[in-house]
Each structure stands twice: as structure tokens, then as C-alpha cells.
Amino acid sequence: MSTHLGARHGQIAPTVLLPGDPLRARWISETFLDNATCYTEVRGMYGFTGTWNGRLVSVQGSGMGQPSMAIYVNELFTEYDVEQVVRVGSAGALTTDVAIRDVVIASGACTDSAMNRHRFHGLDYAPVADFGLLRAAVEAAEAREDVTHHVGLIYSSDSFYNPRAAELGKPLVDHGVLAVEMEASALYTLAASYRRKALAICTISDHLVTGEETTAAEREQTFGAMVEIALAAALR
């Protein structure tokens, strides 16, 4: 039983969906899983295990930012033998090539965080998705007519309210970065370290160029296409 998850061994499936919002974790379990049971409420960070199309899967809230996410991912990998994690989160569009409610499948994640610099002694490690999960997610997205998806780089920022966001983001956009979120870079690094699989799929919840945004309720409960793509990719 780990410090922050508090689950017994065997309660967490080898495949885990990882939303930041614990209420989104609960909504995913209620909406998409059969026979879901809650295995943790420690610190209000809900985790559930159930089945999707007869396959065992867990959904675990991870909080906001790379430090919080890293706590849960470390414990999932080391204490519960989780084999693959798919982040299902929200992101802000950095370019008009991406629209509100589009789905971004992250092939890699840039970051301004010091977490990787500490780990790699100042070197700039390039965290990338597991190719098998990435390919499966792209195929699942291509099979749908109800969602527009993009594949490319995202930016994992340590700051949500950054007064220099537009200024600092321009060089990233000029080099193909599509959206900003706060977790994927550390997730990809940890998966590489533990020789596990990871992928981040994000729905665009707000737009840093146009100013459009979704409500908190919409972010919690209406990003179903992203979840279905994640499930199809991870449990193919």
C-alpha cells in the first residue's frame, strides 16, 4: 500500500488513464467503465478500477503540474506494476491551427521545468511518447468523424498564469509546438526511466490566441472523444 495511493496490491490495473482532475476520474469511471470500484480517496485524489469492453483498466487522478503527477506515476510504476499510463487532460492551444475542443495527441513534450535538468545534470532530454500507443491513438482518432485531431509537440509548463506566456511561447510555436499543458514531459521521462509505456492525449479547453475557453464543468465532463481514443489505443 503506497503513501499517496493507498490501494492494495491487485486493485490497480496494468493500464491506467490519468486525468489531472479527480472529478474527471470519477466521471470517466461512471461513464465508460463497467463495474467500477473506488480503490482510493487519499487526499481527495480518486482512483477507480473497472472494465471497458471486458478489459481491466484503472482511472487515477493526478493533480496539477509535473511534481504532483510524478508522485502518482512513480507509485503506479514501482508499487503496483502498472505497464502503461495514458494521460487524458486539457490543454491550451498556442496556434490558430488548433481549435477549441480539438484533440492533440502528443508525440513529444517540451518543458520549462527544472525536473529534467536535475535528473540529467543540466542536459536537455527530449521526452517522447511510446510509439505503439501513439500509433494506436492516431489510428483510433482517424477512425472517428466527430473529432478533429492533431499529432505533434506540446509544451509542459510549470506556470499556469505566466505574464510572459505569449512572448515565451512564440519560439515554440515557430518550431511546431501545438498546445500547452502541465504534465506530459515528466510523464514521458518517468515512463522511459521505468521502461514502461506512456502517452498524453489532450482536449483543447482554452485558446491562448483567440481567448476562447470552456467551462470547468465542460472540462470535467464533456471530453468523451479523448477518453474513447485513449481506451481504444491502450486496450487495442
C-alpha atoms as a PDB file:
ATOM      1  CA  MET A   1       0.000   0.000   0.000  1.00  0.00           C
ATOM      2  CA  SER A   2       1.727   3.171  -1.205  1.00  0.00           C
ATOM      3  CA  THR A   3       1.819   6.518   0.601  1.00  0.00           C
ATOM      4  CA  HIS A   4      -0.348   8.575  -1.758  1.00  0.00           C
ATOM      5  CA  LEU A   5      -2.483   5.944  -3.482  1.00  0.00           C
ATOM      6  CA  GLY A   6      -3.264   3.711  -0.539  1.00  0.00           C
ATOM      7  CA  ALA A   7      -4.540   0.887  -2.737  1.00  0.00           C
ATOM      8  CA  ARG A   8      -3.970  -2.780  -2.011  1.00  0.00           C
ATOM      9  CA  HIS A   9      -1.928  -4.794  -4.469  1.00  0.00           C
ATOM     10  CA  GLY A  10      -4.150  -6.114  -7.229  1.00  0.00           C
ATOM     11  CA  GLN A  11      -6.625  -3.239  -7.048  1.00  0.00           C
ATOM     12  CA  ILE A  12      -4.986  -1.211  -9.844  1.00  0.00           C
ATOM     13  CA  ALA A  13      -4.994  -2.497 -13.418  1.00  0.00           C
ATOM     14  CA  PRO A  14      -1.877  -2.711 -15.631  1.00  0.00           C
ATOM     15  CA  THR A  15      -3.384   0.065 -17.785  1.00  0.00           C
ATOM     16  CA  VAL A  16      -4.198   3.410 -16.173  1.00  0.00           C
ATOM     17  CA  LEU A  17      -5.858   6.523 -17.576  1.00  0.00           C
ATOM     18  CA  LEU A  18      -4.518   9.598 -15.827  1.00  0.00           C
ATOM     19  CA  PRO A  19      -6.647  12.758 -15.746  1.00  0.00           C
ATOM     20  CA  GLY A  20      -5.384  15.595 -13.606  1.00  0.00           C
ATOM     21  CA  ASP A  21      -8.822  16.348 -12.178  1.00  0.00           C
ATOM     22  CA  PRO A  22     -10.033  13.709  -9.681  1.00  0.00           C
ATOM     23  CA  LEU A  23     -13.630  14.588 -10.552  1.00  0.00           C
ATOM     24  CA  ARG A  24     -12.861  13.787 -14.188  1.00  0.00           C
ATOM     25  CA  ALA A  25     -11.525  10.450 -12.987  1.00  0.00           C
ATOM     26  CA  ARG A  26     -14.850   9.774 -11.296  1.00  0.00           C
ATOM     27  CA  TRP A  27     -16.791  10.902 -14.387  1.00  0.00           C
ATOM     28  CA  ILE A  28     -14.718   8.630 -16.637  1.00  0.00           C
ATOM     29  CA  SER A  29     -15.329   5.656 -14.356  1.00  0.00           C
ATOM     30  CA  GLU A  30     -19.074   6.313 -14.220  1.00  0.00           C
ATOM     31  CA  THR A  31     -19.418   6.999 -17.942  1.00  0.00           C
ATOM     32  CA  PHE A  32     -17.111   4.499 -19.623  1.00  0.00           C
ATOM     33  CA  LEU A  33     -16.329   1.659 -17.231  1.00  0.00           C
ATOM     34  CA  ASP A  34     -18.395  -1.323 -16.150  1.00  0.00           C
ATOM     35  CA  ASN A  35     -18.429  -2.481 -12.533  1.00  0.00           C
ATOM     36  CA  ALA A  36     -16.085   0.302 -11.453  1.00  0.00           C
ATOM     37  CA  THR A  37     -14.995   0.394  -7.819  1.00  0.00           C
ATOM     38  CA  CYS A  38     -13.122   3.139  -5.994  1.00  0.00           C
ATOM     39  CA  TYR A  39      -9.768   1.971  -4.631  1.00  0.00           C
ATOM     40  CA  THR A  40      -8.567   5.298  -3.210  1.00  0.00           C
ATOM     41  CA  GLU A  41      -9.789   8.641  -1.925  1.00  0.00           C
ATOM     42  CA  VAL A  42      -6.490   9.649  -0.291  1.00  0.00           C
ATOM     43  CA  ARG A  43      -6.194  13.473  -0.357  1.00  0.00           C
ATOM     44  CA  GLY A  44      -9.384  13.542  -2.447  1.00  0.00           C
ATOM     45  CA  MET A  45      -7.489  12.104  -5.440  1.00  0.00           C
ATOM     46  CA  TYR A  46      -9.942   9.464  -6.595  1.00  0.00           C
ATOM     47  CA  GLY A  47      -8.899   6.229  -8.293  1.00  0.00           C
ATOM     48  CA  PHE A  48     -11.203   3.624  -9.834  1.00  0.00           C
ATOM     49  CA  THR A  49     -10.844   0.219 -11.471  1.00  0.00           C
ATOM     50  CA  GLY A  50     -13.393  -1.348 -13.807  1.00  0.00           C
ATOM     51  CA  THR A  51     -13.652  -2.881 -17.240  1.00  0.00           C
ATOM     52  CA  TRP A  52     -14.005  -1.471 -20.749  1.00  0.00           C
ATOM     53  CA  ASN A  53     -15.110  -3.956 -23.404  1.00  0.00           C
ATOM     54  CA  GLY A  54     -14.255  -6.678 -20.926  1.00  0.00           C
ATOM     55  CA  ARG A  55     -10.693  -5.414 -20.352  1.00  0.00           C
ATOM     56  CA  LEU A  56      -9.471  -4.299 -16.946  1.00  0.00           C
ATOM     57  CA  VAL A  57      -8.497  -0.606 -16.681  1.00  0.00           C
ATOM     58  CA  SER A  58      -7.994   1.942 -13.911  1.00  0.00           C
ATOM     59  CA  VAL A  59      -8.540   5.708 -13.836  1.00  0.00           C
ATOM     60  CA  GLN A  60      -6.465   7.759 -11.419  1.00  0.00           C
ATOM     61  CA  GLY A  61      -6.490  11.497 -10.690  1.00  0.00           C
ATOM     62  CA  SER A  62      -3.005  13.007 -10.590  1.00  0.00           C
ATOM     63  CA  GLY A  63      -3.438  16.680  -9.665  1.00  0.00           C
ATOM     64  CA  MET A  64      -1.986  19.682 -11.480  1.00  0.00           C
ATOM     65  CA  GLY A  65       1.635  20.046 -12.531  1.00  0.00           C
ATOM     66  CA  GLN A  66       4.589  17.753 -13.036  1.00  0.00           C
ATOM     67  CA  PRO A  67       5.563  17.353  -9.345  1.00  0.00           C
ATOM     68  CA  SER A  68       2.086  16.156  -8.368  1.00  0.00           C
ATOM     69  CA  MET A  69       1.744  13.897 -11.393  1.00  0.00           C
ATOM     70  CA  ALA A  70       5.197  12.429 -10.781  1.00  0.00           C
ATOM     71  CA  ILE A  71       4.211  11.310  -7.268  1.00  0.00           C
ATOM     72  CA  TYR A  72       1.338   9.204  -8.586  1.00  0.00           C
ATOM     73  CA  VAL A  73       3.184   7.863 -11.625  1.00  0.00           C
ATOM     74  CA  ASN A  74       6.199   6.817  -9.554  1.00  0.00           C
ATOM     75  CA  GLU A  75       3.928   4.895  -7.189  1.00  0.00           C
ATOM     76  CA  LEU A  76       1.911   3.360 -10.027  1.00  0.00           C
ATOM     77  CA  PHE A  77       5.080   2.053 -11.667  1.00  0.00           C
ATOM     78  CA  THR A  78       7.011   0.977  -8.570  1.00  0.00           C
ATOM     79  CA  GLU A  79       4.285  -0.187  -6.178  1.00  0.00           C
ATOM     80  CA  TYR A  80       1.564  -1.522  -8.491  1.00  0.00           C
ATOM     81  CA  ASP A  81       3.406  -2.826 -11.563  1.00  0.00           C
ATOM     82  CA  VAL A  82       1.447  -0.591 -13.943  1.00  0.00           C
ATOM     83  CA  GLU A  83       2.582  -1.195 -17.509  1.00  0.00           C
ATOM     84  CA  GLN A  84       1.145   1.791 -19.355  1.00  0.00           C
ATOM     85  CA  VAL A  85      -0.274   5.196 -18.495  1.00  0.00           C
ATOM     86  CA  VAL A  86      -2.298   7.417 -20.816  1.00  0.00           C
ATOM     87  CA  ARG A  87      -2.784  10.989 -19.666  1.00  0.00           C
ATOM     88  CA  VAL A  88      -6.227  12.325 -20.628  1.00  0.00           C
ATOM     89  CA  GLY A  89      -6.161  16.026 -19.888  1.00  0.00           C
ATOM     90  CA  SER A  90      -6.885  19.530 -21.053  1.00  0.00           C
ATOM     91  CA  ALA A  91      -4.537  21.904 -22.844  1.00  0.00           C
ATOM     92  CA  GLY A  92      -4.416  25.436 -24.158  1.00  0.00           C
ATOM     93  CA  ALA A  93      -3.959  25.971 -27.899  1.00  0.00           C
ATOM     94  CA  LEU A  94      -0.911  28.035 -28.852  1.00  0.00           C
ATOM     95  CA  THR A  95      -1.735  28.371 -32.557  1.00  0.00           C
ATOM     96  CA  THR A  96      -4.785  29.003 -34.730  1.00  0.00           C
ATOM     97  CA  ASP A  97      -4.001  25.727 -36.495  1.00  0.00           C
ATOM     98  CA  VAL A  98      -5.682  24.122 -33.468  1.00  0.00           C
ATOM     99  CA  ALA A  99      -9.260  24.909 -32.438  1.00  0.00           C
ATOM    100  CA  ILE A 100     -11.162  24.723 -29.176  1.00  0.00           C
ATOM    101  CA  ARG A 101     -12.238  21.114 -28.364  1.00  0.00           C
ATOM    102  CA  ASP A 102      -9.767  19.630 -30.871  1.00  0.00           C
ATOM    103  CA  VAL A 103      -7.781  16.640 -29.623  1.00  0.00           C
ATOM    104  CA  VAL A 104      -3.983  16.791 -29.532  1.00  0.00           C
ATOM    105  CA  ILE A 105      -2.012  13.539 -29.401  1.00  0.00           C
ATOM    106  CA  ALA A 106       1.434  14.432 -28.081  1.00  0.00           C
ATOM    107  CA  SER A 107       4.357  12.842 -29.878  1.00  0.00           C
ATOM    108  CA  GLY A 108       6.756  14.640 -27.534  1.00  0.00           C
ATOM    109  CA  ALA A 109       6.776  17.252 -24.784  1.00  0.00           C
ATOM    110  CA  CYS A 110       8.948  20.346 -24.407  1.00  0.00           C
ATOM    111  CA  THR A 111       9.184  21.913 -20.959  1.00  0.00           C
ATOM    112  CA  ASP A 112      10.445  24.840 -18.901  1.00  0.00           C
ATOM    113  CA  SER A 113      10.576  22.653 -15.788  1.00  0.00           C
ATOM    114  CA  ALA A 114      13.796  22.045 -13.883  1.00  0.00           C
ATOM    115  CA  MET A 115      12.785  18.450 -13.133  1.00  0.00           C
ATOM    116  CA  ASN A 116      14.521  17.005 -16.184  1.00  0.00           C
ATOM    117  CA  ARG A 117      17.522  19.298 -15.826  1.00  0.00           C
ATOM    118  CA  HIS A 118      18.074  17.984 -12.303  1.00  0.00           C
ATOM    119  CA  ARG A 119      17.699  14.389 -13.471  1.00  0.00           C
ATOM    120  CA  PHE A 120      20.064  14.807 -16.444  1.00  0.00           C
ATOM    121  CA  HIS A 121      22.568  17.178 -14.799  1.00  0.00           C
ATOM    122  CA  GLY A 122      21.745  20.163 -16.991  1.00  0.00           C
ATOM    123  CA  LEU A 123      21.345  18.293 -20.267  1.00  0.00           C
ATOM    124  CA  ASP A 124      18.140  18.766 -22.276  1.00  0.00           C
ATOM    125  CA  TYR A 125      16.481  15.350 -22.503  1.00  0.00           C
ATOM    126  CA  ALA A 126      13.757  15.079 -25.156  1.00  0.00           C
ATOM    127  CA  PRO A 127      10.772  13.161 -23.660  1.00  0.00           C
ATOM    128  CA  VAL A 128       8.644  11.335 -26.242  1.00  0.00           C
ATOM    129  CA  ALA A 129       5.566   9.121 -26.264  1.00  0.00           C
ATOM    130  CA  ASP A 130       5.600   5.370 -26.619  1.00  0.00           C
ATOM    131  CA  PHE A 131       5.374   4.794 -30.358  1.00  0.00           C
ATOM    132  CA  GLY A 132       2.964   1.872 -30.140  1.00  0.00           C
ATOM    133  CA  LEU A 133       0.484   3.845 -28.048  1.00  0.00           C
ATOM    134  CA  LEU A 134       0.974   6.893 -30.261  1.00  0.00           C
ATOM    135  CA  ARG A 135       0.290   4.958 -33.445  1.00  0.00           C
ATOM    136  CA  ALA A 136      -2.760   3.238 -31.941  1.00  0.00           C
ATOM    137  CA  ALA A 137      -4.193   6.551 -30.744  1.00  0.00           C
ATOM    138  CA  VAL A 138      -3.728   8.143 -34.162  1.00  0.00           C
ATOM    139  CA  GLU A 139      -5.477   5.190 -35.797  1.00  0.00           C
ATOM    140  CA  ALA A 140      -8.343   5.416 -33.289  1.00  0.00           C
ATOM    141  CA  ALA A 141      -8.694   9.148 -33.920  1.00  0.00           C
ATOM    142  CA  GLU A 142      -8.590   8.706 -37.698  1.00  0.00           C
ATOM    143  CA  ALA A 143     -11.474   6.233 -37.455  1.00  0.00           C
ATOM    144  CA  ARG A 144     -13.757   8.901 -35.969  1.00  0.00           C
ATOM    145  CA  GLU A 145     -15.671  11.559 -37.870  1.00  0.00           C
ATOM    146  CA  ASP A 146     -16.774  13.509 -34.803  1.00  0.00           C
ATOM    147  CA  VAL A 147     -13.403  14.894 -33.707  1.00  0.00           C
ATOM    148  CA  THR A 148     -10.540  16.860 -35.221  1.00  0.00           C
ATOM    149  CA  HIS A 149      -7.173  15.622 -34.031  1.00  0.00           C
ATOM    150  CA  HIS A 150      -3.577  16.796 -34.322  1.00  0.00           C
ATOM    151  CA  VAL A 151      -0.335  14.938 -33.717  1.00  0.00           C
ATOM    152  CA  GLY A 152       2.744  16.825 -32.616  1.00  0.00           C
ATOM    153  CA  LEU A 153       4.675  18.507 -29.843  1.00  0.00           C
ATOM    154  CA  ILE A 154       3.165  20.020 -26.729  1.00  0.00           C
ATOM    155  CA  TYR A 155       4.703  22.229 -24.050  1.00  0.00           C
ATOM    156  CA  SER A 156       4.605  21.193 -20.382  1.00  0.00           C
ATOM    157  CA  SER A 157       4.809  24.408 -18.380  1.00  0.00           C
ATOM    158  CA  ASP A 158       5.416  24.816 -14.661  1.00  0.00           C
ATOM    159  CA  SER A 159       3.375  28.044 -14.677  1.00  0.00           C
ATOM    160  CA  PHE A 160      -0.361  28.330 -15.373  1.00  0.00           C
ATOM    161  CA  TYR A 161      -0.565  32.117 -15.007  1.00  0.00           C
ATOM    162  CA  ASN A 162       2.504  33.381 -16.842  1.00  0.00           C
ATOM    163  CA  PRO A 163       2.537  37.110 -17.700  1.00  0.00           C
ATOM    164  CA  ARG A 164       5.033  36.409 -20.496  1.00  0.00           C
ATOM    165  CA  ALA A 165       3.179  33.422 -21.965  1.00  0.00           C
ATOM    166  CA  ALA A 166       2.717  34.878 -25.450  1.00  0.00           C
ATOM    167  CA  GLU A 167       6.280  36.162 -25.650  1.00  0.00           C
ATOM    168  CA  LEU A 168       7.853  32.939 -24.434  1.00  0.00           C
ATOM    169  CA  GLY A 169       5.527  30.734 -26.452  1.00  0.00           C
ATOM    170  CA  LYS A 170       6.271  32.253 -29.861  1.00  0.00           C
ATOM    171  CA  PRO A 171       9.591  30.435 -30.455  1.00  0.00           C
ATOM    172  CA  LEU A 172       7.869  27.162 -29.536  1.00  0.00           C
ATOM    173  CA  VAL A 173       5.039  27.788 -31.976  1.00  0.00           C
ATOM    174  CA  ASP A 174       7.576  28.702 -34.650  1.00  0.00           C
ATOM    175  CA  HIS A 175       9.050  25.247 -34.129  1.00  0.00           C
ATOM    176  CA  GLY A 176       5.779  23.331 -34.321  1.00  0.00           C
ATOM    177  CA  VAL A 177       4.520  23.201 -30.736  1.00  0.00           C
ATOM    178  CA  LEU A 178       0.705  22.977 -30.742  1.00  0.00           C
ATOM    179  CA  ALA A 179      -0.502  23.423 -27.170  1.00  0.00           C
ATOM    180  CA  VAL A 180       0.490  23.950 -23.560  1.00  0.00           C
ATOM    181  CA  GLU A 181      -0.331  21.784 -20.525  1.00  0.00           C
ATOM    182  CA  MET A 182       1.486  20.940 -17.288  1.00  0.00           C
ATOM    183  CA  GLU A 183       2.271  17.221 -17.001  1.00  0.00           C
ATOM    184  CA  ALA A 184       3.349  15.284 -20.114  1.00  0.00           C
ATOM    185  CA  SER A 185       7.092  15.945 -20.081  1.00  0.00           C
ATOM    186  CA  ALA A 186       7.642  14.366 -16.664  1.00  0.00           C
ATOM    187  CA  LEU A 187       5.260  11.511 -17.514  1.00  0.00           C
ATOM    188  CA  TYR A 188       7.234  10.612 -20.634  1.00  0.00           C
ATOM    189  CA  THR A 189      10.533  10.842 -18.747  1.00  0.00           C
ATOM    190  CA  LEU A 190       9.357   8.599 -15.921  1.00  0.00           C
ATOM    191  CA  ALA A 191       7.985   6.037 -18.357  1.00  0.00           C
ATOM    192  CA  ALA A 192      11.342   5.927 -20.129  1.00  0.00           C
ATOM    193  CA  SER A 193      13.158   5.552 -16.817  1.00  0.00           C
ATOM    194  CA  TYR A 194      10.999   2.626 -15.696  1.00  0.00           C
ATOM    195  CA  ARG A 195      10.801   1.086 -19.200  1.00  0.00           C
ATOM    196  CA  ARG A 196       7.036   1.492 -19.255  1.00  0.00           C
ATOM    197  CA  LYS A 197       4.670   2.969 -21.861  1.00  0.00           C
ATOM    198  CA  ALA A 198       3.123   6.437 -21.756  1.00  0.00           C
ATOM    199  CA  LEU A 199       1.071   8.730 -23.934  1.00  0.00           C
ATOM    200  CA  ALA A 200      -0.600  12.103 -23.417  1.00  0.00           C
ATOM    201  CA  ILE A 201      -3.852  12.951 -25.177  1.00  0.00           C
ATOM    202  CA  CYS A 202      -5.328  16.383 -24.512  1.00  0.00           C
ATOM    203  CA  THR A 203      -8.517  18.166 -25.459  1.00  0.00           C
ATOM    204  CA  ILE A 204      -8.162  21.890 -26.141  1.00  0.00           C
ATOM    205  CA  SER A 205     -10.055  23.576 -23.310  1.00  0.00           C
ATOM    206  CA  ASP A 206      -8.941  27.150 -23.961  1.00  0.00           C
ATOM    207  CA  HIS A 207      -7.192  29.104 -26.687  1.00  0.00           C
ATOM    208  CA  LEU A 208      -4.302  31.436 -25.913  1.00  0.00           C
ATOM    209  CA  VAL A 209      -4.649  33.183 -29.287  1.00  0.00           C
ATOM    210  CA  THR A 210      -8.410  33.655 -29.690  1.00  0.00           C
ATOM    211  CA  GLY A 211      -9.322  33.813 -25.998  1.00  0.00           C
ATOM    212  CA  GLU A 212     -11.971  31.077 -26.294  1.00  0.00           C
ATOM    213  CA  GLU A 213     -12.430  28.778 -23.313  1.00  0.00           C
ATOM    214  CA  THR A 214     -14.605  26.011 -21.960  1.00  0.00           C
ATOM    215  CA  THR A 215     -16.247  25.983 -18.542  1.00  0.00           C
ATOM    216  CA  ALA A 216     -14.997  23.973 -15.563  1.00  0.00           C
ATOM    217  CA  ALA A 217     -17.985  21.638 -15.941  1.00  0.00           C
ATOM    218  CA  GLU A 218     -17.233  21.098 -19.634  1.00  0.00           C
ATOM    219  CA  ARG A 219     -13.597  20.300 -18.850  1.00  0.00           C
ATOM    220  CA  GLU A 220     -14.701  17.801 -16.243  1.00  0.00           C
ATOM    221  CA  GLN A 221     -17.468  16.046 -18.151  1.00  0.00           C
ATOM    222  CA  THR A 222     -17.554  16.595 -21.917  1.00  0.00           C
ATOM    223  CA  PHE A 223     -14.211  15.404 -23.250  1.00  0.00           C
ATOM    224  CA  GLY A 224     -15.510  11.938 -24.099  1.00  0.00           C
ATOM    225  CA  ALA A 225     -13.877  11.549 -27.522  1.00  0.00           C
ATOM    226  CA  MET A 226     -10.431  11.897 -25.954  1.00  0.00           C
ATOM    227  CA  VAL A 227     -11.231   9.199 -23.395  1.00  0.00           C
ATOM    228  CA  GLU A 228     -12.554   6.803 -26.039  1.00  0.00           C
ATOM    229  CA  ILE A 229      -9.435   7.320 -28.160  1.00  0.00           C
ATOM    230  CA  ALA A 230      -7.266   6.629 -25.110  1.00  0.00           C
ATOM    231  CA  LEU A 231      -9.153   3.462 -24.216  1.00  0.00           C
ATOM    232  CA  ALA A 232      -9.053   2.203 -27.799  1.00  0.00           C
ATOM    233  CA  ALA A 233      -5.310   2.854 -28.007  1.00  0.00           C
ATOM    234  CA  ALA A 234      -4.357   1.340 -24.671  1.00  0.00           C
ATOM    235  CA  LEU A 235      -6.675  -1.690 -24.845  1.00  0.00           C
ATOM    236  CA  ARG A 236      -6.395  -2.497 -28.548  1.00  0.00           C
END
